[in-house]
Protein backbone atom coordinates (compact mmCIF):
# COMPACT_ATOMS: atom_id res chain seq x y z
CA UNK A 1 0.00 0.00 0.00
CA UNK A 2 1.42 3.37 -1.06
CA UNK A 3 2.04 6.09 1.52
CA UNK A 4 -0.02 8.34 -0.76
CA UNK A 5 -3.02 6.05 -0.40
CA UNK A 6 -5.49 7.80 1.97
CA UNK A 7 -6.11 4.43 3.67
CA UNK A 8 -2.43 3.77 4.38
CA UNK A 9 -1.25 3.91 8.01
CA UNK A 10 1.05 6.83 7.16
CA UNK A 11 -1.75 8.85 5.57
CA UNK A 12 -4.17 8.12 8.41
CA UNK A 13 -1.52 9.10 10.94
CA UNK A 14 -0.98 12.39 9.10
CA UNK A 15 -4.72 13.09 9.09
CA UNK A 16 -4.93 12.35 12.80
CA UNK A 17 -2.08 14.78 13.46
CA UNK A 18 -3.81 17.46 11.40
CA UNK A 19 -7.00 17.17 13.45
CA UNK A 20 -5.00 17.27 16.68
CA UNK A 21 -3.58 20.59 15.48
CA UNK A 22 -7.10 21.80 14.66
CA UNK A 23 -8.22 20.97 18.20
CA UNK A 24 -5.20 22.83 19.55
CA UNK A 25 -6.03 25.98 17.61
CA UNK A 26 -9.70 25.71 18.57
CA UNK A 27 -8.83 25.33 22.27
CA UNK A 28 -10.48 28.65 23.30
CA UNK A 29 -13.90 27.24 22.34
CA UNK A 30 -13.20 23.50 22.73
CA UNK A 31 -14.98 23.16 26.13
CA UNK A 32 -18.26 24.23 24.55
CA UNK A 33 -18.17 21.29 22.13
CA UNK A 34 -18.83 19.07 25.16
CA UNK A 35 -21.12 21.31 27.22
CA UNK A 36 -24.60 19.83 27.52
CA UNK A 37 -27.30 21.73 25.66
CA UNK A 38 -24.95 23.61 23.33
CA UNK A 39 -25.93 23.38 19.67
CA UNK A 40 -23.89 26.22 18.18
CA UNK A 41 -20.78 28.34 18.77
CA UNK A 42 -20.57 31.81 17.22
CA UNK A 43 -17.27 33.68 17.01
CA UNK A 44 -18.18 37.21 15.91
CA UNK A 45 -14.50 38.16 16.06
CA UNK A 46 -11.47 36.76 17.86
CA UNK A 47 -12.50 38.31 21.19
CA UNK A 48 -16.30 37.98 20.99
CA UNK A 49 -17.85 34.51 21.35
CA UNK A 50 -21.46 33.43 21.88
CA UNK A 51 -23.02 30.00 22.23
CA UNK A 52 -26.52 28.72 21.55
CA UNK A 53 -27.57 26.68 24.60
CA UNK A 54 -31.05 25.24 25.04
CA UNK A 55 -32.23 27.49 22.24
CA UNK A 56 -30.88 30.76 23.70
CA UNK A 57 -27.85 32.88 22.75
CA UNK A 58 -25.41 33.63 25.56
CA UNK A 59 -21.99 35.37 25.58
CA UNK A 60 -19.12 33.31 26.99
CA UNK A 61 -15.68 34.12 28.35
CA UNK A 62 -13.67 32.73 25.44
CA UNK A 63 -11.29 34.45 23.06
CA UNK A 64 -8.14 34.12 20.98
CA UNK A 65 -5.25 36.37 21.89
CA UNK A 66 -5.45 38.26 18.59
CA UNK A 67 -6.78 38.16 15.02
CA UNK A 68 -3.67 36.41 13.74
CA UNK A 69 -4.10 33.41 16.05
CA UNK A 70 -7.80 33.17 15.20
CA UNK A 71 -7.10 33.22 11.45
CA UNK A 72 -4.44 30.55 12.00
CA UNK A 73 -7.15 28.31 13.48
CA UNK A 74 -9.31 28.82 10.37
CA UNK A 75 -6.34 28.11 8.09
CA UNK A 76 -5.54 24.93 10.02
CA UNK A 77 -9.09 23.65 9.52
CA UNK A 78 -8.81 24.38 5.80
CA UNK A 79 -5.46 22.56 5.63
CA UNK A 80 -6.89 19.49 7.36
CA UNK A 81 -9.60 19.31 4.70
CA UNK A 82 -7.38 20.01 1.73
CA UNK A 83 -8.98 23.40 1.17
CA UNK A 84 -7.50 26.85 0.78
CA UNK A 85 -8.46 30.16 2.35
CA UNK A 86 -7.13 33.59 1.48
CA UNK A 87 -8.20 37.05 2.73
CA UNK A 88 -9.06 38.32 -0.76
CA UNK A 89 -9.13 35.35 -3.16
CA UNK A 90 -10.83 32.66 -1.00
CA UNK A 91 -12.26 34.34 2.11
CA UNK A 92 -15.00 31.74 2.75
CA UNK A 93 -14.69 28.33 4.38
CA UNK A 94 -17.56 25.86 4.59
CA UNK A 95 -16.48 22.56 6.06
CA UNK A 96 -17.16 19.61 8.33
CA UNK A 97 -14.99 18.87 11.36
CA UNK A 98 -13.90 15.34 12.16
CA UNK A 99 -16.70 15.01 14.75
CA UNK A 100 -19.35 15.89 12.15
CA UNK A 101 -19.86 19.50 13.28
CA UNK A 102 -20.36 22.04 10.50
CA UNK A 103 -18.20 25.12 10.36
CA UNK A 104 -18.49 28.29 8.32
CA UNK A 105 -15.77 30.93 8.48
CA UNK A 106 -15.32 34.30 6.81
CA UNK A 107 -11.95 36.05 6.71
CA UNK A 108 -11.43 39.80 6.99
CA UNK A 109 -11.82 42.12 5.14
CA UNK A 110 -14.96 40.33 3.90
CA UNK A 111 -15.74 40.06 7.59
CA UNK A 112 -15.94 43.81 8.18
CA UNK A 113 -15.36 43.67 11.95
CA UNK A 114 -12.78 40.92 11.63
CA UNK A 115 -12.73 37.26 10.72
CA UNK A 116 -15.65 35.25 12.11
CA UNK A 117 -16.73 31.65 12.54
CA UNK A 118 -19.99 29.77 13.02
CA UNK A 119 -20.00 26.19 14.31
CA UNK A 120 -23.11 24.01 14.22
CA UNK A 121 -22.39 21.13 16.56
CA UNK A 122 -23.17 17.62 15.41
CA UNK A 123 -26.06 16.30 17.54
CA UNK A 124 -24.93 14.06 20.37
CA UNK A 125 -28.28 12.29 20.33
CA UNK A 126 -30.44 11.41 17.35
CA UNK A 127 -34.02 12.69 17.50
CA UNK A 128 -36.58 10.09 16.46
CA UNK A 129 -40.08 10.85 15.24
CA UNK A 130 -41.36 9.55 18.57
CA UNK A 131 -39.13 12.00 20.44
CA UNK A 132 -40.38 14.91 18.32
CA UNK A 133 -43.95 13.77 18.96
CA UNK A 134 -43.30 13.74 22.70
CA UNK A 135 -41.76 17.23 22.53
CA UNK A 136 -44.83 18.64 20.78
CA UNK A 137 -43.19 19.29 17.41
CA UNK A 138 -46.27 17.66 15.89
CA UNK A 139 -49.35 15.84 17.18
CA UNK A 140 -50.41 12.20 16.88
CA UNK A 141 -52.55 12.75 13.76
CA UNK A 142 -49.70 14.52 11.98
CA UNK A 143 -47.35 11.71 13.06
CA UNK A 144 -49.67 9.12 11.50
CA UNK A 145 -50.03 11.12 8.30
CA UNK A 146 -46.27 11.52 7.84
CA UNK A 147 -45.76 7.83 8.48
CA UNK A 148 -48.35 6.93 5.86
CA UNK A 149 -46.84 9.43 3.42
CA UNK A 150 -43.48 7.71 3.76
CA UNK A 151 -44.95 4.19 3.50
CA UNK A 152 -46.72 5.28 0.31
CA UNK A 153 -43.45 6.62 -1.13
CA UNK A 154 -44.68 10.20 -1.42
CA UNK A 155 -42.22 12.90 -2.46
CA UNK A 156 -41.81 15.03 0.66
CA UNK A 157 -40.15 18.44 0.92
CA UNK A 158 -39.26 19.85 4.35
CA UNK A 159 -39.07 23.65 4.33
CA UNK A 160 -38.16 26.32 6.84
CA UNK A 161 -35.66 28.97 7.77
CA UNK A 162 -32.18 28.64 9.22
CA UNK A 163 -32.27 26.88 12.59
CA UNK A 164 -35.87 25.71 12.18
CA UNK A 165 -34.91 22.04 12.52
CA UNK A 166 -35.24 20.91 8.89
CA UNK A 167 -32.41 18.38 9.08
CA UNK A 168 -33.60 17.07 12.45
CA UNK A 169 -37.06 16.57 10.98
CA UNK A 170 -35.66 14.91 7.86
CA UNK A 171 -33.73 12.48 10.05
CA UNK A 172 -36.85 11.76 12.08
CA UNK A 173 -39.24 11.03 9.21
CA UNK A 174 -36.61 8.81 7.62
CA UNK A 175 -37.42 6.45 10.54
CA UNK A 176 -40.60 5.61 8.65
CA UNK A 177 -38.76 4.21 5.61
CA UNK A 178 -39.08 0.40 5.56
CA UNK A 179 -35.75 -1.24 6.51
CA UNK A 180 -35.56 -3.19 3.24
CA UNK A 181 -35.61 -0.04 1.08
CA UNK A 182 -32.30 1.04 -0.45
CA UNK A 183 -31.54 4.67 0.49
CA UNK A 184 -29.06 6.95 -1.26
CA UNK A 185 -28.48 10.40 0.25
CA UNK A 186 -26.64 13.38 -1.22
CA UNK A 187 -25.42 16.35 0.84
CA UNK A 188 -22.95 19.17 0.38
CA UNK A 189 -21.92 18.71 4.02
CA UNK A 190 -22.86 15.40 5.68
CA UNK A 191 -25.36 15.87 8.51
CA UNK A 192 -27.91 13.10 8.12
CA UNK A 193 -28.10 10.28 10.65
CA UNK A 194 -30.30 7.66 9.05
CA UNK A 195 -31.00 4.49 11.00
CA UNK A 196 -30.68 2.00 8.16
CA UNK A 197 -28.14 -0.62 7.13
CA UNK A 198 -29.22 -0.22 3.50
CA UNK A 199 -28.08 3.41 3.28
CA UNK A 200 -25.34 4.85 1.06
CA UNK A 201 -24.30 8.44 1.85
CA UNK A 202 -22.66 10.71 -0.74
CA UNK A 203 -21.05 14.07 0.02
CA UNK A 204 -20.04 16.76 -2.47
CA UNK A 205 -16.40 17.56 -1.65
CA UNK A 206 -15.26 21.12 -1.05
CA UNK A 207 -11.74 20.42 -2.28
CA UNK A 208 -11.12 20.23 -5.99
CA UNK A 209 -8.05 19.49 -8.06
CA UNK A 210 -7.13 22.12 -10.60
CA UNK A 211 -8.59 21.69 -14.10
CA UNK A 212 -11.06 19.06 -12.83
CA UNK A 213 -14.82 19.54 -13.11
CA UNK A 214 -16.24 20.13 -9.61
CA UNK A 215 -18.23 17.25 -8.14
CA UNK A 216 -21.43 19.19 -7.49
CA UNK A 217 -24.68 18.23 -5.78
CA UNK A 218 -26.32 18.12 -9.21
CA UNK A 219 -23.78 15.60 -10.54
CA UNK A 220 -24.17 13.47 -7.42
CA UNK A 221 -27.97 13.44 -7.74
CA UNK A 222 -27.70 12.29 -11.35
CA UNK A 223 -25.19 9.62 -10.35
CA UNK A 224 -27.36 8.48 -7.44
CA UNK A 225 -30.17 7.69 -9.88
CA UNK A 226 -27.87 5.07 -11.45
CA UNK A 227 -27.44 3.39 -8.05
CA UNK A 228 -31.03 2.08 -8.09
CA UNK A 229 -32.22 3.87 -4.96
CA UNK A 230 -35.71 3.16 -3.68
CA UNK A 231 -35.43 6.33 -1.63
CA UNK A 232 -33.45 9.38 -2.72
CA UNK A 233 -32.65 11.94 -0.02
CA UNK A 234 -31.15 15.30 -0.96
CA UNK A 235 -29.91 17.13 2.13
CA UNK A 236 -30.82 20.59 0.85
CA UNK A 237 -31.79 22.15 -2.46
CA UNK A 238 -29.71 25.33 -2.62
CA UNK A 239 -29.33 26.19 -6.31
CA UNK A 240 -30.78 25.77 -9.75
CA UNK A 241 -28.65 22.78 -10.69
CA UNK A 242 -29.68 20.80 -7.59
CA UNK A 243 -33.35 21.75 -8.07
CA UNK A 244 -33.18 20.70 -11.72
CA UNK A 245 -31.65 17.34 -10.80
CA UNK A 246 -34.22 16.75 -8.06
CA UNK A 247 -37.16 17.61 -10.31
CA UNK A 248 -35.74 15.50 -13.14
CA UNK A 249 -35.55 12.53 -10.76
CA UNK A 250 -39.15 13.02 -9.68
CA UNK A 251 -40.29 13.51 -13.28
CA UNK A 252 -38.71 10.25 -14.45
CA UNK A 253 -40.64 7.96 -12.17
CA UNK A 254 -38.58 8.08 -8.97
CA UNK A 255 -40.82 8.27 -5.91
CA UNK A 256 -40.11 8.45 -2.21
CA UNK A 257 -37.84 11.48 -2.62
CA UNK A 258 -36.99 13.49 0.51
CA UNK A 259 -35.32 16.89 0.62
CA UNK A 260 -35.17 20.23 2.43
CA UNK A 261 -35.31 23.81 1.20
CA UNK A 262 -35.26 27.32 2.64
CA UNK A 263 -38.72 28.90 2.41
CA UNK A 264 -41.07 31.12 4.43
CA UNK A 265 -44.18 28.93 4.34
CA UNK A 266 -45.55 25.74 2.83
CA UNK A 267 -47.12 27.69 -0.04
CA UNK A 268 -43.97 29.76 -0.56
CA UNK A 269 -42.05 26.48 -0.88
CA UNK A 270 -43.66 25.85 -4.27
CA UNK A 271 -42.50 29.21 -5.62
CA UNK A 272 -39.06 28.79 -4.07
CA UNK A 273 -38.48 25.38 -5.67
CA UNK A 274 -39.96 26.62 -8.97
CA UNK A 275 -37.65 29.65 -9.04
CA UNK A 276 -34.58 27.51 -8.37
CA UNK A 277 -35.60 24.84 -10.88
CA UNK A 278 -36.41 27.48 -13.52
CA UNK A 279 -32.83 28.72 -13.22
CA UNK A 280 -31.66 25.17 -13.96
CA UNK A 281 -34.18 24.61 -16.77
CA UNK A 282 -33.33 27.92 -18.40
CA UNK A 283 -34.77 26.90 -21.79
CA UNK A 284 -38.15 25.78 -20.38
CA UNK A 285 -40.99 28.27 -19.74
CA UNK A 286 -41.53 29.17 -16.09
CA UNK A 287 -45.17 28.04 -16.14
CA UNK A 288 -44.12 24.59 -17.34
CA UNK A 289 -41.54 24.28 -14.54
CA UNK A 290 -44.14 25.32 -11.96
CA UNK A 291 -46.55 22.71 -13.30
CA UNK A 292 -43.83 20.06 -12.99
CA UNK A 293 -43.17 21.09 -9.39
CA UNK A 294 -46.86 20.89 -8.48
CA UNK A 295 -47.36 17.56 -10.24
CA UNK A 296 -44.31 15.85 -8.72
CA UNK A 297 -44.42 17.16 -5.16
CA UNK A 298 -46.79 15.35 -2.79
CA UNK A 299 -46.26 16.73 0.72
CA UNK A 300 -44.72 19.90 2.16
CA UNK A 301 -43.76 20.01 5.83
CA UNK A 302 -42.90 23.52 7.03
CA UNK A 303 -40.86 23.94 10.22
CA UNK A 304 -40.26 27.06 12.26
CA UNK A 305 -38.62 28.07 15.50
CA UNK A 306 -41.56 29.63 17.35
CA UNK A 307 -41.04 32.38 19.97
CA UNK A 308 -42.57 30.55 22.94
CA UNK A 309 -42.65 26.85 22.06
CA UNK A 310 -39.37 26.24 20.26
CA UNK A 311 -39.17 24.26 17.05
CA UNK A 312 -42.52 23.19 15.67
CA UNK A 313 -43.99 21.89 12.45
CA UNK A 314 -46.17 24.91 11.74
CA UNK A 315 -47.74 23.65 8.51
CA UNK A 316 -48.33 20.41 6.65
CA UNK A 317 -49.75 20.66 3.15
CA UNK A 318 -50.38 18.21 0.34
CA UNK A 319 -50.59 18.66 -3.39
CA UNK A 320 -53.33 16.60 -5.00
CA UNK A 321 -53.29 16.77 -8.81
CA UNK A 322 -51.23 19.93 -8.47
CA UNK A 323 -53.73 21.61 -6.14
CA UNK A 324 -52.35 22.95 -2.84
CA UNK A 325 -54.26 21.93 0.30
CA UNK A 326 -53.23 23.04 3.79
CA UNK A 327 -53.90 20.19 6.23
CA UNK A 328 -52.53 21.40 9.58
CA UNK A 329 -51.26 24.71 10.90
CA UNK A 330 -49.74 25.80 14.20
CA UNK A 331 -52.00 28.04 16.28
CA UNK A 332 -49.56 30.53 17.81
CA UNK A 333 -52.13 32.05 20.18
CA UNK A 334 -53.35 28.75 21.62
CA UNK A 335 -50.04 26.89 21.31
CA UNK A 336 -51.51 23.89 19.48
CA UNK A 337 -51.84 22.31 16.05
CA UNK A 338 -55.19 22.83 14.30
CA UNK A 339 -56.40 20.61 11.49
CA UNK A 340 -57.55 22.70 8.52
CA UNK A 341 -58.55 19.93 6.13
CA UNK A 342 -58.69 16.14 6.15
CA UNK A 343 -55.91 14.50 4.12
CA UNK A 344 -56.81 12.90 0.82
CA UNK A 345 -56.52 9.13 1.10
CA UNK A 346 -57.34 8.22 -2.50
CA UNK A 347 -53.70 7.97 -3.59
CA UNK A 348 -52.63 5.89 -0.60
CA UNK A 349 -52.12 2.20 -1.22
CA UNK A 350 -51.25 1.72 2.43
CA UNK A 351 -53.79 3.23 4.81
CA UNK A 352 -53.15 1.18 7.95
CA UNK A 353 -50.78 2.48 10.56
CA UNK A 354 -50.98 -0.10 13.30
CA UNK A 355 -47.68 0.92 14.90
CA UNK A 356 -48.46 4.64 15.26
C-alpha cells in the first residue's frame, strides 16, 4: 500500500495529526463542544464569542489572543480538509470537522469587523419521530399522516428557515422508511443520521483538483439515480442545478424522494423550488416548470422556531393533482396544532398504521 493512499497507516496518521492541530487551535472554544445543551458556537471576532444553549444565545468568556491566532485556526481547519483560504481570493470556508460538526468561516476584510466563525455542533443524540412527537413538534394525527406518506413513497419536501430544525425533521421522518428499502443520500456537508443498514451516503467535496470539473450536488444526484435507490434523499436544495436534478428525478418515475429547502411557508415552498428549478431549466418556460413542481411534489412540511414553544412543524400541506391543500397549521395564540382539512386518502395504497 502506497504512503499516498489515503487508507495507508502513514496517511491516516498524518490526518490524525492534522486534526489534533485543529483541536489545539480551537482550544479557546473547545470546552463548549462538550457542554450539555450547546448546539452552536458563534465567534463574531477573535475576542467575541457566543453560544446557543437550550435554544438561547449567551456570551461566553472565550477568546483568541489576537486576530492572527484566530485566522491561524481557520487556516488549520482548511489545511486538514485540503482546502485553501485567502483574505481576498478565497475568504470563505464551509467545512465539516472530524466530529461531524459544520463550520463556516469568513476572513477579513470580507468580515468587516474581523474574521468570524460559526459552528453548528453535530447532535450528540439522534431525535426520532417519537421523540419529536413527545416534545410537541407535531401531534399524533400529523405523526400518522407523515408515516403513511413515507410508507406510500410520497415525495416530501421539508421547508423552513435557518435553525428551524429541517435536518432534524428529515432524520426523524426517515425512521418511517421500511428497513428493506435502499436509500441513497446526497449532501454538500454530511449531517444526516439515518438508522438503516441499506443506506449509502454521498457528500459533495469542497476540495477540488485544478482543471477538474467540480463534483457538485447536481452531478451526485444524477449519479445516485444510477445506483437504483428506492429512496433518494437530498440534504438541501440550494441552487438551480440541484433543483433541476431533483425535479428531473421526480419527473422520471422516482418516488419516495426526501429533501429540504429554505422557504417562508408551505405555499412559498412551491415558488421557491420553482424559481430555483427554472434557473436550472433555463430553456423551459416558467409556467411549465411550476406545473412540474406541483405535479411531482406530494407533501410539504414547514418547520419554524416559534417564539414561545421552540421548534414546531407549523404547517403540513399536500398537493393533489397539483392543487395545494393546507392540512394542519400551528395556532400561535393557543399553542396547538389545528387541522384545517382532512388528508386525501385516494392515492394511498397503504392506509393502515398499526404501529403509530
